C-alpha atoms as a PDB file:
ATOM      1  CA  MET A   1       0.000   0.000   0.000  1.00  0.00           C
ATOM      2  CA  LEU A   2       1.288   3.442  -0.907  1.00  0.00           C
ATOM      3  CA  SER A   3       0.615   6.501   1.215  1.00  0.00           C
ATOM      4  CA  VAL A   4       0.368   9.833  -0.602  1.00  0.00           C
ATOM      5  CA  LEU A   5      -1.193  13.225   0.060  1.00  0.00           C
ATOM      6  CA  SER A   6      -4.927  13.499  -0.512  1.00  0.00           C
ATOM      7  CA  ILE A   7      -4.588  16.874  -2.215  1.00  0.00           C
ATOM      8  CA  VAL A   8      -4.223  15.529  -5.704  1.00  0.00           C
ATOM      9  CA  PRO A   9      -7.665  15.811  -7.357  1.00  0.00           C
ATOM     10  CA  VAL A  10      -6.134  18.831  -9.103  1.00  0.00           C
ATOM     11  CA  LEU A  11      -3.917  16.461 -11.017  1.00  0.00           C
ATOM     12  CA  LEU A  12      -6.636  16.320 -13.657  1.00  0.00           C
ATOM     13  CA  VAL A  13      -4.993  19.504 -14.889  1.00  0.00           C
ATOM     14  CA  PHE A  14      -2.527  17.303 -16.665  1.00  0.00           C
ATOM     15  CA  GLN A  15      -5.103  16.147 -19.202  1.00  0.00           C
ATOM     16  CA  LEU A  16      -4.145  19.309 -21.038  1.00  0.00           C
ATOM     17  CA  LEU A  17      -0.754  17.915 -21.838  1.00  0.00           C
ATOM     18  CA  GLY A  18      -2.409  15.219 -23.955  1.00  0.00           C
ATOM     19  CA  SER A  19      -0.213  13.141 -24.167  1.00  0.00           C
ATOM     20  CA  ALA A  20      13.516   0.213 -13.609  1.00  0.00           C
ATOM     21  CA  ILE A  21      15.602  -0.323 -11.839  1.00  0.00           C
ATOM     22  CA  LEU A  22      14.956   0.461  -8.152  1.00  0.00           C
ATOM     23  CA  VAL A  23      17.672   2.488  -6.490  1.00  0.00           C
ATOM     24  CA  GLN A  24      19.099   0.783  -3.431  1.00  0.00           C
ATOM     25  CA  CYS A  25      19.200   2.644  -0.131  1.00  0.00           C
ATOM     26  CA  HIS A  26      22.713   3.934   0.464  1.00  0.00           C
ATOM     27  CA  PHE A  27      24.101   6.503   2.824  1.00  0.00           C
ATOM     28  CA  VAL A  28      26.865   7.900   0.673  1.00  0.00           C
ATOM     29  CA  ALA A  29      28.893  11.069   0.832  1.00  0.00           C
ATOM     30  CA  PRO A  30      27.397  14.001  -1.097  1.00  0.00           C
ATOM     31  CA  ARG A  31      28.855  14.991  -4.463  1.00  0.00           C
ATOM     32  CA  SER A  32      28.962  18.304  -6.287  1.00  0.00           C
ATOM     33  CA  ILE A  33      26.564  18.788  -9.190  1.00  0.00           C
ATOM     34  CA  PRO A  34      27.411  19.510 -12.847  1.00  0.00           C
ATOM     35  CA  ASP A  35      27.534  23.203 -13.732  1.00  0.00           C
ATOM     36  CA  ASP A  36      24.565  23.015 -16.103  1.00  0.00           C
ATOM     37  CA  HIS A  37      22.267  21.833 -13.310  1.00  0.00           C
ATOM     38  CA  LEU A  38      22.481  25.153 -11.491  1.00  0.00           C
ATOM     39  CA  ALA A  39      20.941  27.144 -14.352  1.00  0.00           C
ATOM     40  CA  LYS A  40      17.946  24.789 -14.465  1.00  0.00           C
ATOM     41  CA  PHE A  41      17.579  24.816 -10.686  1.00  0.00           C
ATOM     42  CA  GLN A  42      17.480  28.619 -10.785  1.00  0.00           C
ATOM     43  CA  LEU A  43      14.981  28.767 -13.653  1.00  0.00           C
ATOM     44  CA  PHE A  44      12.516  26.311 -12.139  1.00  0.00           C
ATOM     45  CA  ALA A  45      12.881  27.845  -8.679  1.00  0.00           C
ATOM     46  CA  GLN A  46      11.709  31.087 -10.265  1.00  0.00           C
ATOM     47  CA  TYR A  47       8.789  29.320 -11.954  1.00  0.00           C
ATOM     48  CA  SER A  48       7.895  27.950  -8.512  1.00  0.00           C
ATOM     49  CA  ALA A  49       8.202  31.452  -7.063  1.00  0.00           C
ATOM     50  CA  ALA A  50       5.929  32.822  -9.794  1.00  0.00           C
ATOM     51  CA  ALA A  51       3.137  30.488  -8.676  1.00  0.00           C
ATOM     52  CA  TYR A  52       2.892  32.486  -5.436  1.00  0.00           C
ATOM     53  CA  CYS A  53       1.947  35.639  -7.374  1.00  0.00           C
ATOM     54  CA  ASP A  54      -1.819  36.104  -7.672  1.00  0.00           C
ATOM     55  CA  HIS A  55      -1.399  37.606 -11.134  1.00  0.00           C
ATOM     56  CA  ASN A  56      -0.240  34.203 -12.358  1.00  0.00           C
ATOM     57  CA  ASN A  57      -2.858  32.016 -10.696  1.00  0.00           C
ATOM     58  CA  ASP A  58      -5.873  34.038  -9.632  1.00  0.00           C
ATOM     59  CA  ASP A  59      -6.694  37.027 -11.818  1.00  0.00           C
ATOM     60  CA  GLY A  60      -8.441  35.136 -14.611  1.00  0.00           C
ATOM     61  CA  ILE A  61      -6.244  36.680 -17.286  1.00  0.00           C
ATOM     62  CA  LEU A  62      -3.899  34.393 -19.198  1.00  0.00           C
ATOM     63  CA  GLY A  63      -0.697  35.738 -20.642  1.00  0.00           C
ATOM     64  CA  SER A  64       2.672  36.999 -19.505  1.00  0.00           C
ATOM     65  CA  ILE A  65       4.108  35.835 -16.194  1.00  0.00           C
ATOM     66  CA  ARG A  66       4.935  38.639 -13.778  1.00  0.00           C
ATOM     67  CA  CYS A  67       6.380  38.722 -10.266  1.00  0.00           C
ATOM     68  CA  ILE A  68       7.304  41.439  -7.827  1.00  0.00           C
ATOM     69  CA  GLU A  69      10.681  42.994  -8.579  1.00  0.00           C
ATOM     70  CA  GLY A  70      13.619  40.627  -8.504  1.00  0.00           C
ATOM     71  CA  VAL A  71      11.682  37.418  -7.835  1.00  0.00           C
ATOM     72  CA  CYS A  72      11.526  35.774 -11.287  1.00  0.00           C
ATOM     73  CA  PRO A  73      13.704  37.739 -13.750  1.00  0.00           C
ATOM     74  CA  LEU A  74      14.643  34.620 -15.732  1.00  0.00           C
ATOM     75  CA  VAL A  75      10.982  33.773 -16.264  1.00  0.00           C
ATOM     76  CA  GLU A  76      10.025  37.336 -17.154  1.00  0.00           C
ATOM     77  CA  ALA A  77      12.903  37.540 -19.641  1.00  0.00           C
ATOM     78  CA  ALA A  78      11.794  34.346 -21.380  1.00  0.00           C
ATOM     79  CA  ASN A  79       9.087  34.255 -24.013  1.00  0.00           C
ATOM     80  CA  SER A  80       6.622  32.547 -21.690  1.00  0.00           C
ATOM     81  CA  GLN A  81       2.946  32.870 -20.879  1.00  0.00           C
ATOM     82  CA  THR A  82       0.297  31.034 -18.925  1.00  0.00           C
ATOM     83  CA  ILE A  83      -2.157  28.909 -20.877  1.00  0.00           C
ATOM     84  CA  ALA A  84      -4.115  27.774 -17.820  1.00  0.00           C
ATOM     85  CA  GLU A  85      -4.372  29.053 -14.260  1.00  0.00           C
ATOM     86  CA  PHE A  86      -6.056  27.258 -11.388  1.00  0.00           C
ATOM     87  CA  ASN A  87      -7.215  28.229  -7.930  1.00  0.00           C
ATOM     88  CA  GLN A  88      -9.252  25.537  -6.242  1.00  0.00           C
ATOM     89  CA  GLU A  89      -9.432  25.240  -2.487  1.00  0.00           C
ATOM     90  CA  ASP A  90      -5.802  25.312  -1.261  1.00  0.00           C
ATOM     91  CA  ILE A  91      -4.282  24.429  -4.628  1.00  0.00           C
ATOM     92  CA  ARG A  92      -3.134  27.194  -6.926  1.00  0.00           C
ATOM     93  CA  GLY A  93      -0.763  27.398  -9.836  1.00  0.00           C
ATOM     94  CA  PHE A  94      -0.488  27.627 -13.572  1.00  0.00           C
ATOM     95  CA  VAL A  95       0.497  25.891 -16.772  1.00  0.00           C
ATOM     96  CA  ALA A  96       2.821  27.907 -18.986  1.00  0.00           C
ATOM     97  CA  VAL A  97       4.442  27.674 -22.398  1.00  0.00           C
ATOM     98  CA  ASP A  98       8.072  28.810 -22.475  1.00  0.00           C
ATOM     99  CA  ASP A  99       9.074  29.290 -26.113  1.00  0.00           C
ATOM    100  CA  THR A 100      12.578  30.446 -25.210  1.00  0.00           C
ATOM    101  CA  HIS A 101      13.466  27.171 -23.511  1.00  0.00           C
ATOM    102  CA  ARG A 102      10.888  25.056 -25.409  1.00  0.00           C
ATOM    103  CA  LEU A 103       9.157  23.932 -22.250  1.00  0.00           C
ATOM    104  CA  LEU A 104       5.682  23.264 -20.925  1.00  0.00           C
ATOM    105  CA  ILE A 105       5.774  24.193 -17.232  1.00  0.00           C
ATOM    106  CA  VAL A 106       3.280  23.152 -14.568  1.00  0.00           C
ATOM    107  CA  SER A 107       3.936  25.063 -11.354  1.00  0.00           C
ATOM    108  CA  PHE A 108       2.160  24.649  -8.016  1.00  0.00           C
ATOM    109  CA  ARG A 109       2.084  27.269  -5.290  1.00  0.00           C
ATOM    110  CA  GLY A 110       2.973  26.400  -1.711  1.00  0.00           C
ATOM    111  CA  SER A 111       0.740  26.975   1.277  1.00  0.00           C
ATOM    112  CA  ASN A 112       0.531  30.312   3.082  1.00  0.00           C
ATOM    113  CA  SER A 113       0.986  28.659   6.462  1.00  0.00           C
ATOM    114  CA  VAL A 114       3.451  25.789   6.562  1.00  0.00           C
ATOM    115  CA  ARG A 115       2.587  24.691  10.061  1.00  0.00           C
ATOM    116  CA  ASN A 116      -1.152  24.677   9.399  1.00  0.00           C
ATOM    117  CA  TRP A 117      -0.984  22.217   6.529  1.00  0.00           C
ATOM    118  CA  ILE A 118       1.544  20.056   8.347  1.00  0.00           C
ATOM    119  CA  LYS A 119      -0.986  19.688  11.155  1.00  0.00           C
ATOM    120  CA  ASN A 120      -3.719  18.708   8.699  1.00  0.00           C
ATOM    121  CA  PHE A 121      -2.057  16.034   6.569  1.00  0.00           C
ATOM    122  CA  LYS A 122      -4.453  13.451   5.166  1.00  0.00           C
ATOM    123  CA  PHE A 123      -3.370  10.439   3.184  1.00  0.00           C
ATOM    124  CA  TRP A 124      -4.741   8.063   0.594  1.00  0.00           C
ATOM    125  CA  LYS A 125      -3.816   4.410   0.399  1.00  0.00           C
ATOM    126  CA  ILE A 126      -2.893   3.548  -3.170  1.00  0.00           C
ATOM    127  CA  ASP A 127      -3.266  -0.091  -4.138  1.00  0.00           C
ATOM    128  CA  GLU A 128      -0.852   0.041  -7.056  1.00  0.00           C
ATOM    129  CA  PRO A 129       1.769   2.441  -8.394  1.00  0.00           C
ATOM    130  CA  GLY A 130       0.551   2.284 -11.992  1.00  0.00           C
ATOM    131  CA  PRO A 131      -1.832   4.660 -13.784  1.00  0.00           C
ATOM    132  CA  ARG A 132      -4.996   2.863 -12.700  1.00  0.00           C
ATOM    133  CA  GLY A 133      -4.029   3.169  -9.057  1.00  0.00           C
ATOM    134  CA  PHE A 134      -3.280   6.865  -9.414  1.00  0.00           C
ATOM    135  CA  TRP A 135      -6.477   7.489 -11.361  1.00  0.00           C
ATOM    136  CA  ASP A 136      -8.861   5.557  -9.107  1.00  0.00           C
ATOM    137  CA  LYS A 137      -7.557   6.816  -5.786  1.00  0.00           C
ATOM    138  CA  LEU A 138      -5.932  10.164  -6.468  1.00  0.00           C
ATOM    139  CA  PHE A 139      -8.427  11.707  -8.864  1.00  0.00           C
ATOM    140  CA  GLY A 140     -11.593  10.459  -7.233  1.00  0.00           C
ATOM    141  CA  SER A 141     -14.760   9.637  -9.112  1.00  0.00           C
ATOM    142  CA  ASP A 142     -16.648  12.521  -7.471  1.00  0.00           C
ATOM    143  CA  LYS A 143     -14.471  15.385  -8.767  1.00  0.00           C
ATOM    144  CA  PRO A 144     -13.636  14.730 -12.417  1.00  0.00           C
ATOM    145  CA  GLN A 145     -15.268  17.908 -13.727  1.00  0.00           C
ATOM    146  CA  ARG A 146     -12.989  20.159 -11.691  1.00  0.00           C
ATOM    147  CA  GLY A 147      -9.951  19.186 -13.664  1.00  0.00           C
ATOM    148  CA  ASN A 148     -11.857  19.172 -16.931  1.00  0.00           C
ATOM    149  CA  ASP A 149     -13.066  22.732 -16.340  1.00  0.00           C
ATOM    150  CA  ILE A 150      -9.559  23.901 -15.499  1.00  0.00           C
ATOM    151  CA  CYS A 151      -7.674  22.388 -18.361  1.00  0.00           C
ATOM    152  CA  SER A 152     -10.043  22.014 -21.300  1.00  0.00           C
ATOM    153  CA  CYS A 153      -8.655  25.309 -22.620  1.00  0.00           C
ATOM    154  CA  GLY A 154      -5.151  23.863 -22.652  1.00  0.00           C
ATOM    155  CA  ILE A 155      -5.668  20.672 -24.623  1.00  0.00           C
ATOM    156  CA  HIS A 156      -5.005  22.367 -27.945  1.00  0.00           C
ATOM    157  CA  SER A 157      -1.825  23.971 -26.619  1.00  0.00           C
ATOM    158  CA  GLY A 158      -0.569  20.621 -25.364  1.00  0.00           C
ATOM    159  CA  GLU A 159      -1.093  19.089 -28.775  1.00  0.00           C
ATOM    160  CA  THR A 160       0.520  21.932 -30.697  1.00  0.00           C
ATOM    161  CA  HIS A 161       3.568  21.915 -28.418  1.00  0.00           C
ATOM    162  CA  ASN A 162       4.204  18.187 -28.433  1.00  0.00           C
ATOM    163  CA  ASP A 163       7.890  18.767 -29.150  1.00  0.00           C
ATOM    164  CA  TYR A 164       8.286  20.772 -25.935  1.00  0.00           C
ATOM    165  CA  HIS A 165       9.620  19.154 -22.779  1.00  0.00           C
ATOM    166  CA  VAL A 166       7.330  18.978 -19.747  1.00  0.00           C
ATOM    167  CA  VAL A 167       8.561  20.140 -16.341  1.00  0.00           C
ATOM    168  CA  ILE A 168       6.577  19.880 -13.114  1.00  0.00           C
ATOM    169  CA  THR A 169       7.710  22.109 -10.270  1.00  0.00           C
ATOM    170  CA  GLY A 170       6.621  23.612  -6.973  1.00  0.00           C
ATOM    171  CA  HIS A 171       7.714  24.720  -3.529  1.00  0.00           C
ATOM    172  CA  SER A 172       6.673  23.433  -0.100  1.00  0.00           C
ATOM    173  CA  LEU A 173       3.163  21.990  -0.375  1.00  0.00           C
ATOM    174  CA  GLY A 174       3.407  22.746  -4.094  1.00  0.00           C
ATOM    175  CA  ALA A 175       6.493  20.534  -4.232  1.00  0.00           C
ATOM    176  CA  ALA A 176       4.534  17.654  -2.742  1.00  0.00           C
ATOM    177  CA  ILE A 177       1.808  18.085  -5.355  1.00  0.00           C
ATOM    178  CA  ALA A 178       4.418  18.350  -8.108  1.00  0.00           C
ATOM    179  CA  THR A 179       5.959  15.052  -7.016  1.00  0.00           C
ATOM    180  CA  ILE A 180       2.669  13.202  -7.302  1.00  0.00           C
ATOM    181  CA  ALA A 181       1.740  15.041 -10.493  1.00  0.00           C
ATOM    182  CA  GLY A 182       4.997  14.134 -12.204  1.00  0.00           C
ATOM    183  CA  ALA A 183       4.698  10.520 -11.115  1.00  0.00           C
ATOM    184  CA  TYR A 184       1.202  10.358 -12.570  1.00  0.00           C
ATOM    185  CA  LEU A 185       2.195  11.883 -15.903  1.00  0.00           C
ATOM    186  CA  ARG A 186       5.028   9.405 -16.256  1.00  0.00           C
ATOM    187  CA  THR A 187       2.666   6.483 -15.727  1.00  0.00           C
ATOM    188  CA  MET A 188       0.597   7.933 -18.567  1.00  0.00           C
ATOM    189  CA  GLN A 189       3.666   7.778 -20.838  1.00  0.00           C
ATOM    190  CA  ILE A 190       4.114  11.559 -20.787  1.00  0.00           C
ATOM    191  CA  PRO A 191       7.848  12.223 -20.284  1.00  0.00           C
ATOM    192  CA  CYS A 192       8.492  14.912 -17.717  1.00  0.00           C
ATOM    193  CA  ASP A 193      11.024  16.149 -15.196  1.00  0.00           C
ATOM    194  CA  ILE A 194      10.249  16.895 -11.553  1.00  0.00           C
ATOM    195  CA  TYR A 195      11.885  19.789  -9.707  1.00  0.00           C
ATOM    196  CA  SER A 196      10.625  20.066  -6.133  1.00  0.00           C
ATOM    197  CA  TYR A 197      11.834  22.672  -3.633  1.00  0.00           C
ATOM    198  CA  GLY A 198      11.503  22.196   0.115  1.00  0.00           C
ATOM    199  CA  SER A 199       9.106  19.265  -0.136  1.00  0.00           C
ATOM    200  CA  PRO A 200       7.788  17.304   2.831  1.00  0.00           C
ATOM    201  CA  ARG A 201       7.786  13.521   2.659  1.00  0.00           C
ATOM    202  CA  VAL A 202       5.006  12.515   0.296  1.00  0.00           C
ATOM    203  CA  GLY A 203       4.552   8.748   0.575  1.00  0.00           C
ATOM    204  CA  ASP A 204       5.962   5.497   1.867  1.00  0.00           C
ATOM    205  CA  ALA A 205       9.065   3.564   0.788  1.00  0.00           C
ATOM    206  CA  ARG A 206       7.352   1.837  -2.135  1.00  0.00           C
ATOM    207  CA  PHE A 207       6.066   5.133  -3.472  1.00  0.00           C
ATOM    208  CA  ALA A 208       9.496   6.741  -3.035  1.00  0.00           C
ATOM    209  CA  GLU A 209      11.219   3.872  -4.832  1.00  0.00           C
ATOM    210  CA  PHE A 210       8.644   3.895  -7.601  1.00  0.00           C
ATOM    211  CA  VAL A 211       8.969   7.616  -8.331  1.00  0.00           C
ATOM    212  CA  SER A 212      12.757   7.640  -7.979  1.00  0.00           C
ATOM    213  CA  ALA A 213      13.116   4.788 -10.472  1.00  0.00           C
ATOM    214  CA  GLN A 214      10.886   6.330 -13.150  1.00  0.00           C
ATOM    215  CA  HIS A 215      12.368   7.610 -16.380  1.00  0.00           C
ATOM    216  CA  GLY A 216      12.885  11.338 -16.398  1.00  0.00           C
ATOM    217  CA  PHE A 217      15.020  13.719 -14.367  1.00  0.00           C
ATOM    218  CA  THR A 218      13.985  13.983 -10.727  1.00  0.00           C
ATOM    219  CA  ALA A 219      15.436  16.573  -8.360  1.00  0.00           C
ATOM    220  CA  ARG A 220      14.270  16.962  -4.777  1.00  0.00           C
ATOM    221  CA  ILE A 221      16.003  20.197  -3.836  1.00  0.00           C
ATOM    222  CA  THR A 222      16.552  21.208  -0.217  1.00  0.00           C
ATOM    223  CA  HIS A 223      18.213  24.203   1.404  1.00  0.00           C
ATOM    224  CA  GLY A 224      20.316  24.391   4.538  1.00  0.00           C
ATOM    225  CA  TYR A 225      18.327  23.445   7.613  1.00  0.00           C
ATOM    226  CA  ASP A 226      14.882  23.926   6.091  1.00  0.00           C
ATOM    227  CA  PRO A 227      12.588  22.117   8.570  1.00  0.00           C
ATOM    228  CA  VAL A 228       9.860  21.093   6.123  1.00  0.00           C
ATOM    229  CA  PRO A 229      11.756  18.144   4.521  1.00  0.00           C
ATOM    230  CA  SER A 230      11.901  16.595   8.017  1.00  0.00           C
ATOM    231  CA  LEU A 231       8.115  16.219   8.029  1.00  0.00           C
ATOM    232  CA  PRO A 232       6.136  14.086   8.428  1.00  0.00           C
ATOM    233  CA  PRO A 233       8.642  12.164  10.603  1.00  0.00           C
ATOM    234  CA  MET A 234       9.782   8.700   9.557  1.00  0.00           C
ATOM    235  CA  SER A 235       9.549   7.215  13.015  1.00  0.00           C
ATOM    236  CA  LEU A 236       8.107   7.418  16.487  1.00  0.00           C
ATOM    237  CA  PHE A 237      10.815   7.604  19.154  1.00  0.00           C
ATOM    238  CA  GLY A 238      13.331   6.444  16.559  1.00  0.00           C
ATOM    239  CA  ILE A 239      12.001   2.886  16.753  1.00  0.00           C
ATOM    240  CA  TYR A 240       8.470   2.571  15.368  1.00  0.00           C
ATOM    241  CA  ASP A 241       8.317   3.007  11.601  1.00  0.00           C
ATOM    242  CA  LEU A 242       5.620   5.500  10.573  1.00  0.00           C
ATOM    243  CA  GLY A 243       6.264   4.646   6.926  1.00  0.00           C
ATOM    244  CA  TYR A 244       7.043   8.051   5.397  1.00  0.00           C
ATOM    245  CA  ARG A 245      10.000   8.293   3.001  1.00  0.00           C
ATOM    246  CA  HIS A 246      11.522  10.822   0.606  1.00  0.00           C
ATOM    247  CA  ILE A 247      12.070  10.375  -3.111  1.00  0.00           C
ATOM    248  CA  TRP A 248      15.643  10.803  -4.346  1.00  0.00           C
ATOM    249  CA  PRO A 249      18.098  12.048  -5.453  1.00  0.00           C
ATOM    250  CA  GLU A 250      18.312  15.051  -3.176  1.00  0.00           C
ATOM    251  CA  TYR A 251      20.177  18.182  -4.193  1.00  0.00           C
ATOM    252  CA  TRP A 252      21.159  20.083  -1.066  1.00  0.00           C
ATOM    253  CA  ILE A 253      21.896  23.796  -1.200  1.00  0.00           C
ATOM    254  CA  SER A 254      24.198  23.741   1.784  1.00  0.00           C
ATOM    255  CA  GLY A 255      25.499  27.301   1.516  1.00  0.00           C
ATOM    256  CA  SER A 256      24.544  29.986   3.971  1.00  0.00           C
ATOM    257  CA  SER A 257      24.272  32.858   1.486  1.00  0.00           C
ATOM    258  CA  PRO A 258      20.747  34.191   0.780  1.00  0.00           C
ATOM    259  CA  ASN A 259      20.744  32.699  -2.716  1.00  0.00           C
ATOM    260  CA  GLY A 260      22.565  29.525  -1.702  1.00  0.00           C
ATOM    261  CA  THR A 261      24.612  29.473  -4.896  1.00  0.00           C
ATOM    262  CA  ASP A 262      27.949  28.741  -3.274  1.00  0.00           C
ATOM    263  CA  THR A 263      27.556  24.980  -3.100  1.00  0.00           C
ATOM    264  CA  ILE A 264      24.989  22.365  -4.094  1.00  0.00           C
ATOM    265  CA  GLN A 265      25.601  18.737  -3.215  1.00  0.00           C
ATOM    266  CA  LEU A 266      24.021  15.556  -4.558  1.00  0.00           C
ATOM    267  CA  CYS A 267      22.820  12.825  -2.194  1.00  0.00           C
ATOM    268  CA  ARG A 268      21.453   9.527  -3.468  1.00  0.00           C
ATOM    269  CA  GLY A 269      19.521   6.808  -1.709  1.00  0.00           C
ATOM    270  CA  LEU A 270      16.510   6.412   0.517  1.00  0.00           C
ATOM    271  CA  GLU A 271      16.695   8.896   3.409  1.00  0.00           C
ATOM    272  CA  ASN A 272      20.348   9.764   2.938  1.00  0.00           C
ATOM    273  CA  ILE A 273      21.410  11.615   6.086  1.00  0.00           C
ATOM    274  CA  SER A 274      24.360  13.390   4.482  1.00  0.00           C
ATOM    275  CA  CYS A 275      22.443  16.393   3.087  1.00  0.00           C
ATOM    276  CA  ASN A 276      19.463  18.243   4.603  1.00  0.00           C
ATOM    277  CA  GLY A 277      19.044  15.222   6.868  1.00  0.00           C
ATOM    278  CA  THR A 278      22.423  15.735   8.493  1.00  0.00           C
ATOM    279  CA  ARG A 279      22.196  16.425  12.198  1.00  0.00           C
ATOM    280  CA  GLN A 280      25.445  17.984  13.306  1.00  0.00           C
ATOM    281  CA  THR A 281      25.983  18.823  16.965  1.00  0.00           C
ATOM    282  CA  GLY A 282      24.120  22.003  17.847  1.00  0.00           C
ATOM    283  CA  PHE A 283      22.234  22.270  14.535  1.00  0.00           C
ATOM    284  CA  SER A 284      19.154  24.462  14.401  1.00  0.00           C
ATOM    285  CA  PHE A 285      16.312  24.496  11.901  1.00  0.00           C
ATOM    286  CA  GLU A 286      16.067  27.757   9.975  1.00  0.00           C
ATOM    287  CA  ILE A 287      12.687  28.971   8.725  1.00  0.00           C
ATOM    288  CA  GLU A 288      14.431  31.395   6.369  1.00  0.00           C
ATOM    289  CA  ASP A 289      16.016  28.414   4.608  1.00  0.00           C
ATOM    290  CA  HIS A 290      12.506  27.341   3.609  1.00  0.00           C
ATOM    291  CA  ARG A 291      11.675  30.768   2.208  1.00  0.00           C
ATOM    292  CA  ASN A 292      14.855  31.064   0.145  1.00  0.00           C
ATOM    293  CA  TYR A 293      15.669  28.666  -2.676  1.00  0.00           C
ATOM    294  CA  LEU A 294      18.159  30.298  -5.034  1.00  0.00           C
ATOM    295  CA  GLY A 295      16.203  33.475  -4.393  1.00  0.00           C
ATOM    296  CA  ARG A 296      13.164  34.635  -2.417  1.00  0.00           C
ATOM    297  CA  ILE A 297      10.875  31.845  -3.520  1.00  0.00           C
ATOM    298  CA  THR A 298       7.913  32.884  -1.310  1.00  0.00           C
ATOM    299  CA  ALA A 299       8.279  36.647  -1.798  1.00  0.00           C
ATOM    300  CA  CYS A 300       5.096  36.940  -3.895  1.00  0.00           C
ATOM    301  CA  GLY A 301       2.972  35.434  -1.153  1.00  0.00           C
ATOM    302  CA  PRO A 302       0.687  37.663   0.935  1.00  0.00           C
ATOM    303  CA  LYS A 303       2.453  39.631   3.621  1.00  0.00           C
ATOM    304  CA  PHE A 304       0.617  37.743   6.329  1.00  0.00           C
ATOM    305  CA  THR A 305       2.487  34.625   5.193  1.00  0.00           C
ATOM    306  CA  TYR A 306       5.600  35.819   6.945  1.00  0.00           C
ATOM    307  CA  ARG A 307       3.768  36.941  10.083  1.00  0.00           C
ATOM    308  CA  ASP A 308       1.931  33.639  10.364  1.00  0.00           C
ATOM    309  CA  MET A 309       5.118  31.676   9.856  1.00  0.00           C
ATOM    310  CA  ASP A 310       6.970  33.703  12.483  1.00  0.00           C
ATOM    311  CA  GLU A 311       4.194  33.256  15.020  1.00  0.00           C
ATOM    312  CA  SER A 312       3.579  29.591  14.232  1.00  0.00           C
ATOM    313  CA  TRP A 313       7.149  28.351  14.552  1.00  0.00           C
ATOM    314  CA  SER A 314       7.843  29.000  18.202  1.00  0.00           C
ATOM    315  CA  ALA A 315      10.999  27.920  20.018  1.00  0.00           C
ATOM    316  CA  GLU A 316       8.966  25.076  21.488  1.00  0.00           C
ATOM    317  CA  ASP A 317       7.876  23.961  18.015  1.00  0.00           C
ATOM    318  CA  LEU A 318      11.451  23.924  16.769  1.00  0.00           C
ATOM    319  CA  ASP A 319      12.684  22.069  19.863  1.00  0.00           C
ATOM    320  CA  ARG A 320      10.074  19.388  19.253  1.00  0.00           C
ATOM    321  CA  LEU A 321      11.030  19.210  15.591  1.00  0.00           C
ATOM    322  CA  ARG A 322      14.687  18.808  16.541  1.00  0.00           C
ATOM    323  CA  MET A 323      13.722  15.914  18.779  1.00  0.00           C
ATOM    324  CA  LEU A 324      11.759  14.239  15.973  1.00  0.00           C
ATOM    325  CA  ALA A 325      14.633  14.773  13.547  1.00  0.00           C
ATOM    326  CA  GLY A 326      17.099  13.329  16.020  1.00  0.00           C
ATOM    327  CA  ASN A 327      14.893  10.266  16.418  1.00  0.00           C
ATOM    328  CA  ASP A 328      14.754   9.907  12.640  1.00  0.00           C
ATOM    329  CA  THR A 329      18.536  10.114  12.367  1.00  0.00           C
ATOM    330  CA  PHE A 330      18.808   7.227  14.823  1.00  0.00           C
ATOM    331  CA  PHE A 331      16.130   5.335  12.910  1.00  0.00           C
ATOM    332  CA  ALA A 332      17.781   5.910   9.527  1.00  0.00           C
ATOM    333  CA  THR A 333      21.191   4.888  10.825  1.00  0.00           C
ATOM    334  CA  HIS A 334      20.211   1.790  12.785  1.00  0.00           C
ATOM    335  CA  TYR A 335      17.158   0.486  10.961  1.00  0.00           C
ATOM    336  CA  ILE A 336      17.070   1.578   7.318  1.00  0.00           C
ATOM    337  CA  SER A 337      20.791   0.942   6.766  1.00  0.00           C
ATOM    338  CA  ASN A 338      20.647  -2.420   8.539  1.00  0.00           C
ATOM    339  CA  ARG A 339      17.723  -3.550   6.411  1.00  0.00           C
ATOM    340  CA  THR A 340      19.607  -2.764   3.227  1.00  0.00           C
ATOM    341  CA  GLY A 341      22.912  -4.218   4.344  1.00  0.00           C
ATOM    342  CA  VAL A 342      24.781  -0.906   4.084  1.00  0.00           C
END
């Protein structure tokens, strides 16, 4: 059984696009990334940032993508425009055509209050990792028209841009949705890449292995001591397995500069504790690391986003999160590695 977030009825948006080897669990030392990866990480981080701007997901006018000053200059400089925008319940975002880079981009916005949605996680149990399992459980038979209404206008664009590459991206909660969305598209034989920024754990080990082994480039990008990738926890007291696991590989922006461009390291394997999962003596989670991914990724969000985040993440909250993360480090070291013979 696969556990994934119940937020995915919006995945019907991907009808507009028309059309393995399992990685073993290793705790290996991080490696530096190729130079060309950084440019893509920056571009798709800015597409994720653009999803926070109401102009791009909530004004009912399709066209050019705009952000507040300095948030998405690469996107604004490209010949790109939205062909569909969606705002249903807590899920917002857009589908865009980027003629400069020959891309079809699907970008999901994160939540305004990180702590609120962490407290309200709900999960589906998926019987199978193939397209039927995703369709039957993730889409739901009671909400098919929602996706049809959102994306019927984009079907023609998907067909006329069939030589463009598809990229699914998002930040925070949007990263979780992007992970499931990309996995679904791949099961439907639609090649796509997944770029997720600051994602929580989305499903169990089978789901993580399934997504990580799919064809297509997958990048789960983390920054510094961003607390969100530590949730939901893997274990209870470091002993009882709660079943949540991350997809891989992870690309860790370990630098302390605001843009984090000084160093990005690659970590492979199920719950590798060498990147964002590292728990050095005296470490402290940093909320600002969640807000900054190669730029101010949440800057377009409402101003109350920052106030809510500051008030929600008290010292007590962070102390509890450090305890959970410490338990997970013990669990990953003594249980996951032992099970895989590493």
